[in-house]
Amino acid sequence: MKLIKFYTQTCVPCKMLKPIIEKLLVNHPEVQYEEIDCTDEVPKEWAQTIRSVPTVIIIKANEPNIQIVGLHSYEYYDNLL
């Protein structure tokens, strides 16, 4: 399973999401994690998918399964894993 966070450096909700993601990674060591900085532009391969930040995509079985836009609680993300 992989979790990808899309963020910008000036996004306050993105900054607030950081400790939530860190806690998830501690409690779910099997999850691979990647951050993609979209400050200048969204990477081409995600351009059709990412419309707002923060966005978290959860990939299971090599397919994007869940896309979460905005800031949510630790419990919300934990239940999706």
Protein backbone atom coordinates (compact mmCIF):
# COMPACT_ATOMS: atom_id res chain seq x y z
CA MET A 1 0.00 0.00 0.00
CA LYS A 2 1.20 3.49 -0.80
CA LEU A 3 0.10 6.91 0.36
CA ILE A 4 0.93 9.99 -1.74
CA LYS A 5 0.45 13.51 -0.38
CA PHE A 6 0.21 16.43 -2.79
CA TYR A 7 0.90 19.79 -1.18
CA THR A 8 2.25 23.30 -1.66
CA GLN A 9 4.72 25.06 0.60
CA THR A 10 2.32 27.90 1.44
CA CYS A 11 -0.79 25.78 2.08
CA VAL A 12 -1.76 25.98 5.77
CA PRO A 13 -3.99 22.84 5.71
CA CYS A 14 -1.07 21.01 4.07
CA LYS A 15 1.15 21.97 7.00
CA MET A 16 -1.55 20.87 9.47
CA LEU A 17 -1.75 17.50 7.70
CA LYS A 18 1.94 16.73 8.28
CA PRO A 19 1.69 15.49 11.92
CA ILE A 20 -1.38 13.42 11.01
CA ILE A 21 0.52 11.68 8.22
CA GLU A 22 3.54 11.17 10.49
CA LYS A 23 1.35 9.45 13.08
CA LEU A 24 -0.22 7.26 10.38
CA LEU A 25 3.21 6.16 9.20
CA VAL A 26 4.29 5.27 12.74
CA ASN A 27 1.14 3.21 13.29
CA HIS A 28 1.19 1.66 9.80
CA PRO A 29 4.84 0.87 9.01
CA GLU A 30 3.76 -1.25 6.02
CA VAL A 31 2.60 1.88 4.17
CA GLN A 32 5.01 3.41 1.67
CA TYR A 33 4.91 7.20 1.57
CA GLU A 34 5.66 9.88 -0.99
CA GLU A 35 5.21 13.65 -0.92
CA ILE A 36 4.83 15.65 -4.11
CA ASP A 37 5.34 19.40 -3.94
CA CYS A 38 2.95 21.14 -6.35
CA THR A 39 4.09 24.68 -5.51
CA ASP A 40 5.12 25.44 -9.08
CA GLU A 41 2.93 22.93 -10.91
CA VAL A 42 1.37 19.51 -10.58
CA PRO A 43 3.54 16.78 -12.12
CA LYS A 44 2.31 15.88 -15.60
CA GLU A 45 1.29 12.31 -14.71
CA TRP A 46 -1.08 13.64 -12.00
CA ALA A 47 -2.33 16.78 -13.78
CA GLN A 48 -5.77 15.34 -14.58
CA THR A 49 -6.24 14.03 -11.04
CA ILE A 50 -5.04 16.76 -8.66
CA ARG A 51 -7.23 19.87 -8.56
CA SER A 52 -6.71 21.07 -5.00
CA VAL A 53 -4.27 20.65 -2.13
CA PRO A 54 -3.87 18.98 0.18
CA THR A 55 -4.79 15.82 -1.68
CA VAL A 56 -3.93 12.35 -0.45
CA ILE A 57 -4.11 9.34 -2.73
CA ILE A 58 -4.09 5.83 -1.32
CA ILE A 59 -2.87 3.19 -3.74
CA LYS A 60 -3.71 -0.46 -3.12
CA ALA A 61 -2.72 -3.28 -5.49
CA ASN A 62 -0.91 -0.76 -7.74
CA GLU A 63 -4.14 1.12 -8.53
CA PRO A 64 -5.19 4.50 -7.07
CA ASN A 65 -8.14 3.50 -4.92
CA ILE A 66 -8.96 6.48 -2.76
CA GLN A 67 -8.52 10.22 -3.30
CA ILE A 68 -9.01 12.49 -0.29
CA VAL A 69 -9.13 16.26 -0.79
CA GLY A 70 -8.72 18.63 2.13
CA LEU A 71 -7.73 18.23 5.74
CA HIS A 72 -9.33 15.45 7.78
CA SER A 73 -8.77 13.85 11.17
CA TYR A 74 -6.27 11.10 11.93
CA GLU A 75 -9.17 8.72 12.51
CA TYR A 76 -10.57 9.42 9.05
CA TYR A 77 -7.32 8.47 7.30
CA ASP A 78 -6.70 5.56 9.67
CA ASN A 79 -10.10 4.03 8.83
CA LEU A 80 -9.27 4.18 5.11
CA LEU A 81 -6.07 2.24 5.59
